[in-house]
N, C-alpha and C. Protein backbone atom coordinates (compact mmCIF):
# COMPACT_ATOMS: atom_id res chain seq x y z
N PRO A 1 1.09 -1.52 -0.07
CA PRO A 1 -0.16 -0.16 0.19
C PRO A 1 1.02 1.24 0.09
N ASP A 2 0.31 2.18 -0.71
CA ASP A 2 1.10 3.64 -0.52
C ASP A 2 0.86 4.17 1.02
N LEU A 3 1.86 5.03 1.43
CA LEU A 3 2.35 5.21 2.34
C LEU A 3 2.40 7.34 2.01
N SER A 4 1.18 7.64 3.26
CA SER A 4 1.37 9.17 3.31
C SER A 4 1.14 9.82 4.35
N GLY A 5 0.97 11.05 4.76
CA GLY A 5 1.26 11.72 6.05
C GLY A 5 2.15 13.17 6.19
N TYR A 6 2.06 13.21 7.54
CA TYR A 6 2.74 14.72 7.91
C TYR A 6 3.85 14.28 8.89
N GLU A 7 5.05 15.27 9.04
CA GLU A 7 5.94 15.13 10.02
C GLU A 7 6.22 16.17 9.92
N LYS A 8 6.75 16.47 11.66
CA LYS A 8 7.15 18.04 11.89
C LYS A 8 8.91 17.86 12.20
N SER A 9 9.55 18.53 12.05
CA SER A 9 11.31 18.51 10.91
C SER A 9 11.42 20.12 11.30
N GLY A 10 12.47 20.13 11.39
CA GLY A 10 13.14 21.71 11.57
C GLY A 10 12.80 22.40 10.34
N LEU A 11 12.16 22.04 9.16
CA LEU A 11 11.22 22.70 8.40
C LEU A 11 10.21 22.86 8.07
N GLY A 12 9.44 22.77 9.16
CA GLY A 12 7.86 22.46 9.66
C GLY A 12 7.61 21.53 9.14
N ASN A 13 6.27 21.89 9.21
CA ASN A 13 5.27 20.54 8.77
C ASN A 13 5.71 19.86 7.39
N VAL A 14 6.14 18.72 6.88
CA VAL A 14 6.68 18.19 5.73
C VAL A 14 5.39 17.12 5.59
N LYS A 15 4.63 17.14 3.93
CA LYS A 15 4.13 16.32 3.68
C LYS A 15 4.49 15.47 3.05
N TYR A 16 4.28 14.01 3.14
CA TYR A 16 4.86 13.19 2.32
C TYR A 16 4.13 11.91 1.50
N ASN A 17 4.25 11.66 0.31
CA ASN A 17 3.67 10.36 -0.38
C ASN A 17 4.78 9.03 -1.03
N ILE A 18 4.41 8.47 -0.33
CA ILE A 18 5.48 7.13 -1.06
C ILE A 18 4.30 6.38 -1.79
N SER A 19 4.52 6.26 -3.05
CA SER A 19 3.54 5.12 -3.69
C SER A 19 4.65 4.36 -4.59
N ARG A 20 3.80 3.29 -5.39
CA ARG A 20 3.93 2.40 -6.46
C ARG A 20 5.33 1.56 -5.82
N ILE A 21 4.92 1.32 -4.61
CA ILE A 21 6.13 0.53 -3.91
C ILE A 21 5.89 -1.20 -4.37
N HIS A 22 7.47 -0.96 -5.03
CA HIS A 22 7.00 -2.60 -5.46
C HIS A 22 9.04 -3.13 -4.90
N VAL A 23 8.53 -4.62 -4.48
CA VAL A 23 9.76 -4.99 -4.24
C VAL A 23 10.37 -5.85 -5.63
N THR A 24 11.54 -5.77 -5.96
CA THR A 24 12.18 -6.48 -7.24
C THR A 24 12.94 -6.81 -6.84
N ALA A 25 13.64 -7.24 -6.00
CA ALA A 25 14.77 -8.92 -5.82
C ALA A 25 14.74 -8.70 -4.49
N VAL A 26 15.04 -10.18 -4.19
CA VAL A 26 14.67 -10.92 -2.69
C VAL A 26 16.18 -12.08 -3.18
N GLU A 27 16.87 -11.90 -2.04
CA GLU A 27 18.07 -12.84 -2.17
C GLU A 27 18.23 -13.36 -0.67
N PHE A 28 18.27 -14.93 -0.49
CA PHE A 28 18.35 -15.27 1.00
C PHE A 28 19.56 -16.28 0.55
N HIS A 29 20.68 -15.71 1.02
CA HIS A 29 21.78 -16.52 1.68
C HIS A 29 22.20 -17.91 1.90
N SER A 30 21.01 -17.46 3.07
CA SER A 30 21.03 -18.90 4.41
C SER A 30 19.16 -18.80 4.87
N ALA A 31 18.89 -20.22 4.49
CA ALA A 31 17.96 -20.60 4.92
C ALA A 31 17.65 -22.09 5.46
N SER A 32 16.93 -21.75 6.61
CA SER A 32 16.64 -23.43 7.26
C SER A 32 15.45 -23.61 8.04
N ILE A 33 14.46 -24.67 7.56
CA ILE A 33 13.40 -24.93 8.59
C ILE A 33 13.87 -26.29 9.37
N SER A 34 13.39 -26.37 10.69
CA SER A 34 13.40 -27.18 11.45
C SER A 34 12.10 -27.14 12.43
N LEU A 35 12.06 -28.56 12.49
CA LEU A 35 11.08 -29.00 13.38
C LEU A 35 10.84 -29.36 14.11
N ILE A 36 10.06 -28.79 15.47
CA ILE A 36 10.42 -28.68 16.73
C ILE A 36 9.55 -29.88 17.43
N PRO A 37 10.04 -30.57 18.20
CA PRO A 37 9.00 -31.54 18.53
C PRO A 37 7.69 -31.10 19.26
N GLY A 38 6.52 -31.83 19.17
CA GLY A 38 5.02 -31.46 18.90
C GLY A 38 4.63 -30.72 17.78
N THR A 39 4.31 -29.65 17.98
CA THR A 39 3.48 -29.19 16.71
C THR A 39 3.93 -27.96 16.25
N ARG A 40 5.65 -27.84 16.19
CA ARG A 40 5.85 -26.60 16.18
C ARG A 40 7.39 -26.43 14.60
N VAL A 41 7.36 -25.31 14.16
CA VAL A 41 8.04 -25.13 12.92
C VAL A 41 9.14 -24.00 13.24
N LYS A 42 10.35 -24.19 13.01
CA LYS A 42 11.38 -23.09 13.35
C LYS A 42 12.16 -22.56 12.15
N LEU A 43 11.74 -21.46 11.36
CA LEU A 43 12.04 -20.94 10.04
C LEU A 43 13.49 -19.75 10.21
N VAL A 44 14.39 -20.15 10.00
CA VAL A 44 15.77 -18.93 10.11
C VAL A 44 16.03 -18.52 9.04
N ILE A 45 16.17 -16.92 8.82
CA ILE A 45 17.01 -16.73 7.32
C ILE A 45 17.59 -16.17 7.76
N GLY A 46 19.08 -16.04 7.46
CA GLY A 46 20.09 -15.21 7.68
C GLY A 46 20.67 -14.39 6.41
N ASN A 47 21.19 -13.22 6.90
CA ASN A 47 22.11 -12.70 5.53
C ASN A 47 21.30 -12.22 4.18
N ALA A 48 20.19 -12.18 4.37
CA ALA A 48 18.98 -12.32 3.20
C ALA A 48 18.89 -10.62 2.91
N SER A 49 19.07 -10.08 1.74
CA SER A 49 18.94 -8.75 1.04
C SER A 49 17.58 -8.70 0.42
N LEU A 50 16.86 -7.19 0.09
CA LEU A 50 15.92 -6.73 -0.81
C LEU A 50 16.29 -5.74 -1.32
N THR A 51 15.73 -5.35 -2.71
CA THR A 51 15.88 -4.28 -3.32
C THR A 51 14.01 -3.70 -3.36
N ILE A 52 13.64 -2.65 -3.07
CA ILE A 52 12.63 -1.95 -3.37
C ILE A 52 12.41 -0.51 -3.95
N ASP A 53 11.52 -0.20 -5.23
CA ASP A 53 11.47 0.53 -5.92
C ASP A 53 10.03 1.42 -5.39
N MET A 54 10.23 2.79 -5.69
CA MET A 54 9.31 3.17 -5.30
C MET A 54 9.08 4.90 -6.07
N ASN A 55 7.88 5.45 -5.84
CA ASN A 55 7.83 7.21 -6.16
C ASN A 55 7.74 7.89 -4.92
N TRP A 56 8.29 8.83 -5.21
CA TRP A 56 8.00 9.66 -3.60
C TRP A 56 7.76 11.06 -4.12
N ASN A 57 7.05 12.17 -3.06
CA ASN A 57 7.07 13.25 -3.31
C ASN A 57 6.84 13.83 -1.91
N ILE A 58 7.54 15.14 -1.90
CA ILE A 58 7.24 15.66 -0.25
C ILE A 58 7.22 16.85 -0.54
N ARG A 59 6.60 17.79 0.32
CA ARG A 59 6.02 19.16 0.36
C ARG A 59 6.32 19.59 1.62
N THR A 60 6.58 21.15 1.53
CA THR A 60 6.60 21.87 2.98
C THR A 60 6.40 23.46 2.69
N TRP A 61 6.68 24.16 3.14
CA TRP A 61 5.91 25.20 3.09
C TRP A 61 7.44 26.15 2.57
N MET A 62 8.44 25.62 2.17
CA MET A 62 9.42 26.10 1.38
C MET A 62 9.33 25.84 0.18
N PHE A 63 9.73 24.33 -0.06
CA PHE A 63 9.61 23.74 -1.51
C PHE A 63 8.79 22.50 -1.61
N LYS A 64 8.63 21.95 -2.94
CA LYS A 64 8.37 20.75 -2.85
C LYS A 64 9.14 19.86 -4.06
N ASP A 65 9.29 18.38 -4.05
CA ASP A 65 10.02 17.50 -4.69
C ASP A 65 9.43 16.52 -4.89
N SER A 66 10.17 15.66 -6.25
CA SER A 66 9.35 14.29 -6.37
C SER A 66 10.32 13.96 -7.27
N GLY A 67 10.04 12.32 -7.27
CA GLY A 67 11.19 11.31 -7.66
C GLY A 67 10.52 9.81 -7.49
N ARG A 68 11.94 8.99 -8.22
CA ARG A 68 11.75 7.80 -7.95
C ARG A 68 13.03 7.37 -6.85
N SER A 69 12.80 6.27 -6.03
CA SER A 69 14.01 5.84 -5.26
C SER A 69 13.90 4.58 -5.31
N THR A 70 15.13 4.00 -4.66
CA THR A 70 15.34 2.80 -4.62
C THR A 70 16.01 2.29 -3.52
N VAL A 71 15.46 1.35 -2.46
CA VAL A 71 16.28 0.67 -1.22
C VAL A 71 16.70 -0.15 -1.05
N TYR A 72 17.68 -0.53 -0.69
CA TYR A 72 18.37 -1.83 -0.67
C TYR A 72 18.96 -1.86 0.63
N VAL A 73 18.21 -3.05 0.73
CA VAL A 73 18.50 -3.42 2.45
C VAL A 73 18.87 -4.84 2.36
N SER A 74 20.25 -4.99 3.46
CA SER A 74 21.05 -6.09 3.62
C SER A 74 21.44 -6.82 4.64
N LYS A 75 22.00 -7.49 4.82
CA LYS A 75 22.12 -8.28 6.16
C LYS A 75 20.63 -8.33 7.34
N VAL A 76 19.94 -8.94 6.52
CA VAL A 76 18.39 -8.90 6.95
C VAL A 76 18.69 -10.42 7.76
N SER A 77 17.81 -10.39 8.68
CA SER A 77 18.34 -11.81 9.65
C SER A 77 16.15 -11.86 10.42
N VAL A 78 15.81 -13.34 10.27
CA VAL A 78 14.52 -13.62 10.37
C VAL A 78 14.47 -14.75 11.25
N THR A 79 13.76 -14.76 12.50
CA THR A 79 13.82 -15.79 13.21
C THR A 79 11.49 -15.94 13.32
N ALA A 80 11.75 -17.03 12.78
CA ALA A 80 9.90 -16.85 12.98
C ALA A 80 9.69 -18.41 13.71
N MET A 81 8.65 -18.54 14.35
CA MET A 81 8.11 -19.91 15.10
C MET A 81 6.73 -19.89 14.52
N LEU A 82 6.47 -21.13 14.27
CA LEU A 82 5.40 -21.71 13.43
C LEU A 82 4.59 -22.41 14.20
N SER A 83 3.52 -22.95 14.35
CA SER A 83 2.69 -23.55 15.29
C SER A 83 1.82 -24.18 14.21
N THR A 84 1.44 -25.53 14.40
CA THR A 84 0.61 -26.33 13.07
C THR A 84 -0.40 -27.22 14.26
N THR A 85 -1.32 -26.82 13.72
CA THR A 85 -3.07 -27.88 14.01
C THR A 85 -3.61 -28.32 13.21
N LEU A 86 -4.50 -29.23 13.57
CA LEU A 86 -5.35 -29.89 12.69
C LEU A 86 -6.72 -29.12 13.33
N ASP A 87 -7.42 -28.97 12.33
CA ASP A 87 -8.88 -28.35 12.71
C ASP A 87 -10.13 -29.43 12.34
N ASN A 88 -11.13 -29.24 13.09
CA ASN A 88 -12.23 -30.29 12.78
C ASN A 88 -12.79 -31.07 11.97
N THR A 89 -11.91 -30.35 10.95
CA THR A 89 -11.84 -31.33 9.05
C THR A 89 -11.24 -32.03 8.82
N GLY A 90 -9.77 -31.95 9.73
CA GLY A 90 -8.58 -32.12 9.29
C GLY A 90 -7.40 -31.86 8.51
N HIS A 91 -7.97 -30.35 8.09
CA HIS A 91 -6.96 -29.65 7.93
C HIS A 91 -5.79 -28.86 8.55
N THR A 92 -4.62 -28.86 7.93
CA THR A 92 -4.06 -28.33 8.47
C THR A 92 -3.85 -26.61 8.61
N SER A 93 -3.81 -25.85 9.96
CA SER A 93 -3.59 -24.86 10.26
C SER A 93 -2.23 -24.41 10.28
N ILE A 94 -1.38 -23.24 10.30
CA ILE A 94 -0.45 -22.91 10.91
C ILE A 94 -0.40 -21.50 11.61
N SER A 95 -0.06 -20.89 12.40
CA SER A 95 -0.07 -19.76 12.88
C SER A 95 1.32 -19.49 13.70
N LEU A 96 1.38 -18.25 13.18
CA LEU A 96 2.97 -17.37 13.52
C LEU A 96 2.76 -17.01 15.03
N THR A 97 3.57 -17.94 15.66
CA THR A 97 3.78 -17.38 17.62
C THR A 97 5.09 -16.59 17.83
N SER A 98 6.08 -16.05 16.90
CA SER A 98 6.70 -15.43 16.93
C SER A 98 7.70 -14.89 15.90
N CYS A 99 7.95 -13.94 16.12
CA CYS A 99 8.89 -13.30 14.93
C CYS A 99 9.92 -11.97 15.45
N ARG A 100 11.18 -12.39 14.80
CA ARG A 100 12.01 -11.28 14.90
C ARG A 100 12.83 -11.32 14.12
N THR A 101 12.80 -9.73 13.29
CA THR A 101 13.80 -9.65 12.32
C THR A 101 14.85 -8.41 12.77
N THR A 102 15.89 -8.32 11.99
CA THR A 102 16.75 -7.15 12.18
C THR A 102 17.07 -6.95 10.66
N SER A 103 18.12 -6.16 10.48
CA SER A 103 18.55 -5.52 9.30
C SER A 103 19.80 -4.77 9.47
N GLY A 104 21.56 -4.82 9.02
CA GLY A 104 22.15 -4.47 9.11
C GLY A 104 22.37 -3.38 8.30
N ASP A 105 22.17 -3.06 7.02
CA ASP A 105 22.67 -1.62 6.04
C ASP A 105 21.26 -1.34 5.18
N ILE A 106 20.93 0.16 5.21
CA ILE A 106 19.73 0.48 4.24
C ILE A 106 20.71 1.08 3.28
N ASP A 107 20.68 1.10 2.43
CA ASP A 107 21.31 2.19 1.37
C ASP A 107 19.96 2.98 0.58
N ILE A 108 19.80 3.88 0.69
CA ILE A 108 18.58 4.53 -0.16
C ILE A 108 19.16 5.90 -1.17
N LYS A 109 18.64 5.39 -2.66
CA LYS A 109 18.92 6.46 -3.79
C LYS A 109 17.69 6.87 -3.97
N LEU A 110 17.73 8.63 -3.84
CA LEU A 110 16.84 9.14 -4.09
C LEU A 110 16.99 9.87 -5.52
N ASN A 111 15.78 9.84 -6.49
CA ASN A 111 16.41 10.66 -7.99
C ASN A 111 15.22 11.47 -7.74
N GLY A 112 15.31 12.85 -7.60
CA GLY A 112 14.50 14.03 -7.85
C GLY A 112 14.83 15.12 -8.73
N LYS A 113 13.82 16.21 -8.78
CA LYS A 113 13.92 17.25 -9.42
C LYS A 113 14.98 18.28 -9.38
N HIS A 114 15.68 18.02 -7.78
CA HIS A 114 16.12 19.11 -7.27
C HIS A 114 17.51 18.46 -6.33
């Protein structure tokens, strides 16, 4: 979904809009799935990266600008615990019971008019 809103900064009120957000690349350098005794599954993803492209515009009382942006996020780690159960019809249901995510580096390239 698009993101928009207002923030207060040294420039006063800043109105922003981020739209057309697309994940253009995802890399998993390390991933594993472990079965935990009982009905749990542990998913671990390490050193992943992703690239996101988007449009942006910003407006303050002093200026306005817009353009395209590419965000590269690297050194992403995710650890998720899932629980599995059977419903009354015998179908498997999976629920996320915990999730921890960290990222190491974020590189943002803004291409605008100014």
